[in-house]
Amino acid sequence: MLPPVAVSPLIKTARYSALIAGIIYGKKRYDYLKPIAAEERRIEEEEKKIQEEQARIAKILAEANEDTILK
């Protein structure tokens, strides 16, 4: 087995700099996208409520239009 090779300080610095830059970029991107996603979730929730209400009304109307003895 070979002994470990010494890594250049320039390479080490570049690696850690890239890591830190990636963390900072990720944080900024997350902060940018978080309110957009929250707004999308709110809109989807409102649409879901509307669809549920329409389904409930359609069910009531379907029951009212069923064949009954009174016809």
PDB file of N, CA and C in Angstrom:
ATOM      1  N   MET A   1       0.845  -1.169   0.000  1.00  0.00           N
ATOM      2  CA  MET A   1       0.000   0.000   0.000  1.00  0.00           C
ATOM      3  C   MET A   1       0.896   1.239   0.000  1.00  0.00           C
ATOM      4  N   LEU A   2       0.492   2.211  -0.812  1.00  0.00           N
ATOM      5  CA  LEU A   2       1.304   3.411  -0.937  1.00  0.00           C
ATOM      6  C   LEU A   2       0.976   4.416   0.154  1.00  0.00           C
ATOM      7  N   PRO A   3       1.940   5.200   0.545  1.00  0.00           N
ATOM      8  CA  PRO A   3       1.664   6.238   1.553  1.00  0.00           C
ATOM      9  C   PRO A   3       0.821   7.354   0.924  1.00  0.00           C
ATOM     10  N   PRO A   4       0.047   8.068   1.736  1.00  0.00           N
ATOM     11  CA  PRO A   4      -0.783   9.144   1.195  1.00  0.00           C
ATOM     12  C   PRO A   4       0.075  10.239   0.569  1.00  0.00           C
ATOM     13  N   VAL A   5      -0.466  10.826  -0.484  1.00  0.00           N
ATOM     14  CA  VAL A   5       0.234  11.883  -1.201  1.00  0.00           C
ATOM     15  C   VAL A   5      -0.139  13.218  -0.579  1.00  0.00           C
ATOM     16  N   ALA A   6       0.831  14.086  -0.419  1.00  0.00           N
ATOM     17  CA  ALA A   6       0.569  15.417   0.139  1.00  0.00           C
ATOM     18  C   ALA A   6      -0.190  16.254  -0.893  1.00  0.00           C
ATOM     19  N   VAL A   7      -1.296  16.857  -0.471  1.00  0.00           N
ATOM     20  CA  VAL A   7      -2.111  17.677  -1.354  1.00  0.00           C
ATOM     21  C   VAL A   7      -1.628  19.111  -1.268  1.00  0.00           C
ATOM     22  N   SER A   8      -1.547  19.733  -2.424  1.00  0.00           N
ATOM     23  CA  SER A   8      -1.070  21.115  -2.499  1.00  0.00           C
ATOM     24  C   SER A   8      -1.980  22.046  -1.692  1.00  0.00           C
ATOM     25  N   PRO A   9      -1.409  23.001  -0.974  1.00  0.00           N
ATOM     26  CA  PRO A   9      -2.232  23.963  -0.231  1.00  0.00           C
ATOM     27  C   PRO A   9      -3.149  24.770  -1.155  1.00  0.00           C
ATOM     28  N   LEU A  10      -2.695  24.999  -2.391  1.00  0.00           N
ATOM     29  CA  LEU A  10      -3.545  25.709  -3.354  1.00  0.00           C
ATOM     30  C   LEU A  10      -4.808  24.907  -3.654  1.00  0.00           C
ATOM     31  N   ILE A  11      -4.670  23.605  -3.833  1.00  0.00           N
ATOM     32  CA  ILE A  11      -5.825  22.735  -4.107  1.00  0.00           C
ATOM     33  C   ILE A  11      -6.743  22.687  -2.890  1.00  0.00           C
ATOM     34  N   LYS A  12      -6.168  22.570  -1.704  1.00  0.00           N
ATOM     35  CA  LYS A  12      -6.984  22.564  -0.485  1.00  0.00           C
ATOM     36  C   LYS A  12      -7.783  23.858  -0.361  1.00  0.00           C
ATOM     37  N   THR A  13      -7.117  24.981  -0.601  1.00  0.00           N
ATOM     38  CA  THR A  13      -7.792  26.276  -0.507  1.00  0.00           C
ATOM     39  C   THR A  13      -8.907  26.382  -1.539  1.00  0.00           C
ATOM     40  N   ALA A  14      -8.626  25.929  -2.747  1.00  0.00           N
ATOM     41  CA  ALA A  14      -9.633  25.985  -3.810  1.00  0.00           C
ATOM     42  C   ALA A  14     -10.839  25.113  -3.459  1.00  0.00           C
ATOM     43  N   ARG A  15     -10.611  23.939  -2.915  1.00  0.00           N
ATOM     44  CA  ARG A  15     -11.706  23.036  -2.552  1.00  0.00           C
ATOM     45  C   ARG A  15     -12.602  23.650  -1.470  1.00  0.00           C
ATOM     46  N   TYR A  16     -11.968  24.182  -0.424  1.00  0.00           N
ATOM     47  CA  TYR A  16     -12.757  24.777   0.650  1.00  0.00           C
ATOM     48  C   TYR A  16     -13.441  26.057   0.203  1.00  0.00           C
ATOM     49  N   SER A  17     -12.795  26.811  -0.674  1.00  0.00           N
ATOM     50  CA  SER A  17     -13.429  28.018  -1.210  1.00  0.00           C
ATOM     51  C   SER A  17     -14.671  27.648  -2.025  1.00  0.00           C
ATOM     52  N   ALA A  18     -14.573  26.606  -2.835  1.00  0.00           N
ATOM     53  CA  ALA A  18     -15.713  26.152  -3.627  1.00  0.00           C
ATOM     54  C   ALA A  18     -16.831  25.646  -2.714  1.00  0.00           C
ATOM     55  N   LEU A  19     -16.454  24.952  -1.657  1.00  0.00           N
ATOM     56  CA  LEU A  19     -17.455  24.459  -0.710  1.00  0.00           C
ATOM     57  C   LEU A  19     -18.200  25.614  -0.060  1.00  0.00           C
ATOM     58  N   ILE A  20     -17.480  26.592   0.409  1.00  0.00           N
ATOM     59  CA  ILE A  20     -18.101  27.748   1.071  1.00  0.00           C
ATOM     60  C   ILE A  20     -18.945  28.547   0.084  1.00  0.00           C
ATOM     61  N   ALA A  21     -18.436  28.715  -1.144  1.00  0.00           N
ATOM     62  CA  ALA A  21     -19.204  29.429  -2.168  1.00  0.00           C
ATOM     63  C   ALA A  21     -20.505  28.685  -2.475  1.00  0.00           C
ATOM     64  N   GLY A  22     -20.453  27.366  -2.523  1.00  0.00           N
ATOM     65  CA  GLY A  22     -21.650  26.566  -2.771  1.00  0.00           C
ATOM     66  C   GLY A  22     -22.668  26.688  -1.651  1.00  0.00           C
ATOM     67  N   ILE A  23     -22.204  26.719  -0.430  1.00  0.00           N
ATOM     68  CA  ILE A  23     -23.099  26.875   0.714  1.00  0.00           C
ATOM     69  C   ILE A  23     -23.772  28.245   0.665  1.00  0.00           C
ATOM     70  N   ILE A  24     -22.999  29.277   0.377  1.00  0.00           N
ATOM     71  CA  ILE A  24     -23.569  30.629   0.297  1.00  0.00           C
ATOM     72  C   ILE A  24     -24.572  30.729  -0.839  1.00  0.00           C
ATOM     73  N   TYR A  25     -24.229  30.163  -2.000  1.00  0.00           N
ATOM     74  CA  TYR A  25     -25.151  30.175  -3.139  1.00  0.00           C
ATOM     75  C   TYR A  25     -26.444  29.435  -2.793  1.00  0.00           C
ATOM     76  N   GLY A  26     -26.319  28.285  -2.173  1.00  0.00           N
ATOM     77  CA  GLY A  26     -27.494  27.498  -1.805  1.00  0.00           C
ATOM     78  C   GLY A  26     -28.404  28.250  -0.852  1.00  0.00           C
ATOM     79  N   LYS A  27     -27.832  28.938   0.097  1.00  0.00           N
ATOM     80  CA  LYS A  27     -28.624  29.718   1.058  1.00  0.00           C
ATOM     81  C   LYS A  27     -29.364  30.850   0.354  1.00  0.00           C
ATOM     82  N   LYS A  28     -28.667  31.563  -0.542  1.00  0.00           N
ATOM     83  CA  LYS A  28     -29.322  32.648  -1.275  1.00  0.00           C
ATOM     84  C   LYS A  28     -30.436  32.116  -2.160  1.00  0.00           C
ATOM     85  N   ARG A  29     -30.178  31.006  -2.830  1.00  0.00           N
ATOM     86  CA  ARG A  29     -31.181  30.416  -3.725  1.00  0.00           C
ATOM     87  C   ARG A  29     -32.396  29.942  -2.921  1.00  0.00           C
ATOM     88  N   TYR A  30     -32.156  29.323  -1.777  1.00  0.00           N
ATOM     89  CA  TYR A  30     -33.243  28.863  -0.924  1.00  0.00           C
ATOM     90  C   TYR A  30     -34.088  30.045  -0.455  1.00  0.00           C
ATOM     91  N   ASP A  31     -33.444  31.125  -0.029  1.00  0.00           N
ATOM     92  CA  ASP A  31     -34.172  32.311   0.418  1.00  0.00           C
ATOM     93  C   ASP A  31     -34.978  32.935  -0.716  1.00  0.00           C
ATOM     94  N   TYR A  32     -34.490  32.822  -1.943  1.00  0.00           N
ATOM     95  CA  TYR A  32     -35.203  33.353  -3.106  1.00  0.00           C
ATOM     96  C   TYR A  32     -36.425  32.494  -3.447  1.00  0.00           C
ATOM     97  N   LEU A  33     -36.285  31.167  -3.375  1.00  0.00           N
ATOM     98  CA  LEU A  33     -37.352  30.270  -3.800  1.00  0.00           C
ATOM     99  C   LEU A  33     -38.401  30.010  -2.724  1.00  0.00           C
ATOM    100  N   LYS A  34     -38.065  30.190  -1.473  1.00  0.00           N
ATOM    101  CA  LYS A  34     -38.986  29.871  -0.375  1.00  0.00           C
ATOM    102  C   LYS A  34     -40.297  30.638  -0.465  1.00  0.00           C
ATOM    103  N   PRO A  35     -40.317  31.976  -0.655  1.00  0.00           N
ATOM    104  CA  PRO A  35     -41.605  32.668  -0.740  1.00  0.00           C
ATOM    105  C   PRO A  35     -42.402  32.287  -1.989  1.00  0.00           C
ATOM    106  N   ILE A  36     -41.724  31.979  -3.064  1.00  0.00           N
ATOM    107  CA  ILE A  36     -42.415  31.567  -4.289  1.00  0.00           C
ATOM    108  C   ILE A  36     -43.143  30.246  -4.048  1.00  0.00           C
ATOM    109  N   ALA A  37     -42.472  29.311  -3.405  1.00  0.00           N
ATOM    110  CA  ALA A  37     -43.078  28.012  -3.111  1.00  0.00           C
ATOM    111  C   ALA A  37     -44.241  28.164  -2.131  1.00  0.00           C
ATOM    112  N   ALA A  38     -44.111  29.048  -1.168  1.00  0.00           N
ATOM    113  CA  ALA A  38     -45.194  29.264  -0.209  1.00  0.00           C
ATOM    114  C   ALA A  38     -46.428  29.814  -0.912  1.00  0.00           C
ATOM    115  N   GLU A  39     -46.228  30.734  -1.842  1.00  0.00           N
ATOM    116  CA  GLU A  39     -47.349  31.294  -2.601  1.00  0.00           C
ATOM    117  C   GLU A  39     -48.009  30.216  -3.471  1.00  0.00           C
ATOM    118  N   GLU A  40     -47.206  29.367  -4.090  1.00  0.00           N
ATOM    119  CA  GLU A  40     -47.755  28.281  -4.909  1.00  0.00           C
ATOM    120  C   GLU A  40     -48.574  27.324  -4.041  1.00  0.00           C
ATOM    121  N   ARG A  41     -48.075  27.001  -2.855  1.00  0.00           N
ATOM    122  CA  ARG A  41     -48.829  26.109  -1.959  1.00  0.00           C
ATOM    123  C   ARG A  41     -50.148  26.746  -1.544  1.00  0.00           C
ATOM    124  N   ARG A  42     -50.136  28.053  -1.283  1.00  0.00           N
ATOM    125  CA  ARG A  42     -51.363  28.749  -0.896  1.00  0.00           C
ATOM    126  C   ARG A  42     -52.380  28.712  -2.032  1.00  0.00           C
ATOM    127  N   ILE A  43     -51.934  28.959  -3.247  1.00  0.00           N
ATOM    128  CA  ILE A  43     -52.825  28.947  -4.405  1.00  0.00           C
ATOM    129  C   ILE A  43     -53.387  27.546  -4.630  1.00  0.00           C
ATOM    130  N   GLU A  44     -52.536  26.528  -4.529  1.00  0.00           N
ATOM    131  CA  GLU A  44     -52.995  25.150  -4.693  1.00  0.00           C
ATOM    132  C   GLU A  44     -54.033  24.788  -3.640  1.00  0.00           C
ATOM    133  N   GLU A  45     -53.835  25.256  -2.416  1.00  0.00           N
ATOM    134  CA  GLU A  45     -54.792  24.972  -1.341  1.00  0.00           C
ATOM    135  C   GLU A  45     -56.144  25.619  -1.645  1.00  0.00           C
ATOM    136  N   GLU A  46     -56.123  26.858  -2.133  1.00  0.00           N
ATOM    137  CA  GLU A  46     -57.368  27.528  -2.492  1.00  0.00           C
ATOM    138  C   GLU A  46     -58.073  26.800  -3.630  1.00  0.00           C
ATOM    139  N   GLU A  47     -57.312  26.381  -4.645  1.00  0.00           N
ATOM    140  CA  GLU A  47     -57.900  25.660  -5.772  1.00  0.00           C
ATOM    141  C   GLU A  47     -58.482  24.331  -5.315  1.00  0.00           C
ATOM    142  N   LYS A  48     -57.809  23.670  -4.392  1.00  0.00           N
ATOM    143  CA  LYS A  48     -58.304  22.395  -3.879  1.00  0.00           C
ATOM    144  C   LYS A  48     -59.633  22.591  -3.151  1.00  0.00           C
ATOM    145  N   LYS A  49     -59.727  23.659  -2.359  1.00  0.00           N
ATOM    146  CA  LYS A  49     -60.980  23.944  -1.661  1.00  0.00           C
ATOM    147  C   LYS A  49     -62.108  24.195  -2.656  1.00  0.00           C
ATOM    148  N   ILE A  50     -61.809  24.956  -3.717  1.00  0.00           N
ATOM    149  CA  ILE A  50     -62.825  25.241  -4.737  1.00  0.00           C
ATOM    150  C   ILE A  50     -63.261  23.952  -5.422  1.00  0.00           C
ATOM    151  N   GLN A  51     -62.299  23.090  -5.772  1.00  0.00           N
ATOM    152  CA  GLN A  51     -62.636  21.827  -6.427  1.00  0.00           C
ATOM    153  C   GLN A  51     -63.461  20.927  -5.515  1.00  0.00           C
ATOM    154  N   GLU A  52     -63.123  20.886  -4.232  1.00  0.00           N
ATOM    155  CA  GLU A  52     -63.896  20.081  -3.287  1.00  0.00           C
ATOM    156  C   GLU A  52     -65.324  20.600  -3.178  1.00  0.00           C
ATOM    157  N   GLU A  53     -65.482  21.917  -3.153  1.00  0.00           N
ATOM    158  CA  GLU A  53     -66.814  22.507  -3.084  1.00  0.00           C
ATOM    159  C   GLU A  53     -67.606  22.182  -4.344  1.00  0.00           C
ATOM    160  N   GLN A  54     -66.963  22.267  -5.511  1.00  0.00           N
ATOM    161  CA  GLN A  54     -67.649  21.938  -6.761  1.00  0.00           C
ATOM    162  C   GLN A  54     -68.035  20.464  -6.796  1.00  0.00           C
ATOM    163  N   ALA A  55     -67.169  19.600  -6.307  1.00  0.00           N
ATOM    164  CA  ALA A  55     -67.482  18.169  -6.259  1.00  0.00           C
ATOM    165  C   ALA A  55     -68.655  17.906  -5.323  1.00  0.00           C
ATOM    166  N   ARG A  56     -68.685  18.612  -4.201  1.00  0.00           N
ATOM    167  CA  ARG A  56     -69.791  18.436  -3.250  1.00  0.00           C
ATOM    168  C   ARG A  56     -71.109  18.877  -3.885  1.00  0.00           C
ATOM    169  N   ILE A  57     -71.083  20.000  -4.577  1.00  0.00           N
ATOM    170  CA  ILE A  57     -72.295  20.499  -5.242  1.00  0.00           C
ATOM    171  C   ILE A  57     -72.724  19.539  -6.340  1.00  0.00           C
ATOM    172  N   ALA A  58     -71.773  19.026  -7.115  1.00  0.00           N
ATOM    173  CA  ALA A  58     -72.097  18.078  -8.186  1.00  0.00           C
ATOM    174  C   ALA A  58     -72.711  16.811  -7.600  1.00  0.00           C
ATOM    175  N   LYS A  59     -72.217  16.373  -6.462  1.00  0.00           N
ATOM    176  CA  LYS A  59     -72.762  15.172  -5.820  1.00  0.00           C
ATOM    177  C   LYS A  59     -74.198  15.420  -5.371  1.00  0.00           C
ATOM    178  N   ILE A  60     -74.448  16.584  -4.800  1.00  0.00           N
ATOM    179  CA  ILE A  60     -75.804  16.917  -4.356  1.00  0.00           C
ATOM    180  C   ILE A  60     -76.753  16.973  -5.551  1.00  0.00           C
ATOM    181  N   LEU A  61     -76.313  17.591  -6.638  1.00  0.00           N
ATOM    182  CA  LEU A  61     -77.151  17.674  -7.834  1.00  0.00           C
ATOM    183  C   LEU A  61     -77.390  16.305  -8.444  1.00  0.00           C
ATOM    184  N   ALA A  62     -76.376  15.438  -8.429  1.00  0.00           N
ATOM    185  CA  ALA A  62     -76.538  14.092  -8.974  1.00  0.00           C
ATOM    186  C   ALA A  62     -77.545  13.304  -8.148  1.00  0.00           C
ATOM    187  N   GLU A  63     -77.500  13.469  -6.847  1.00  0.00           N
ATOM    188  CA  GLU A  63     -78.460  12.772  -5.989  1.00  0.00           C
ATOM    189  C   GLU A  63     -79.873  13.307  -6.219  1.00  0.00           C
ATOM    190  N   ALA A  64     -79.977  14.607  -6.481  1.00  0.00           N
ATOM    191  CA  ALA A  64     -81.290  15.200  -6.704  1.00  0.00           C
ATOM    192  C   ALA A  64     -81.874  14.754  -8.041  1.00  0.00           C
ATOM    193  N   ASN A  65     -81.052  14.428  -9.014  1.00  0.00           N
ATOM    194  CA  ASN A  65     -81.522  14.041 -10.341  1.00  0.00           C
ATOM    195  C   ASN A  65     -81.677  12.535 -10.509  1.00  0.00           C
ATOM    196  N   GLU A  66     -81.438  11.764  -9.462  1.00  0.00           N
ATOM    197  CA  GLU A  66     -81.567  10.306  -9.546  1.00  0.00           C
ATOM    198  C   GLU A  66     -83.027   9.919  -9.789  1.00  0.00           C
ATOM    199  N   ASP A  67     -83.188   8.747 -10.369  1.00  0.00           N
ATOM    200  CA  ASP A  67     -84.550   8.214 -10.546  1.00  0.00           C
ATOM    201  C   ASP A  67     -85.124   7.888  -9.184  1.00  0.00           C
ATOM    202  N   THR A  68     -86.306   8.377  -8.949  1.00  0.00           N
ATOM    203  CA  THR A  68     -86.961   8.116  -7.675  1.00  0.00           C
ATOM    204  C   THR A  68     -88.343   7.526  -7.923  1.00  0.00           C
ATOM    205  N   ILE A  69     -88.983   7.147  -6.898  1.00  0.00           N
ATOM    206  CA  ILE A  69     -90.328   6.598  -6.995  1.00  0.00           C
ATOM    207  C   ILE A  69     -91.310   7.666  -7.429  1.00  0.00           C
ATOM    208  N   LEU A  70     -91.035   8.896  -7.138  1.00  0.00           N
ATOM    209  CA  LEU A  70     -91.955   9.988  -7.418  1.00  0.00           C
ATOM    210  C   LEU A  70     -92.075  10.296  -8.912  1.00  0.00           C
ATOM    211  N   LYS A  71     -91.199   9.813  -9.732  1.00  0.00           N
ATOM    212  CA  LYS A  71     -91.254  10.109 -11.160  1.00  0.00           C
ATOM    213  C   LYS A  71     -92.307   9.345 -11.869  1.00  0.00           C
TER     214      LYS A  71
END
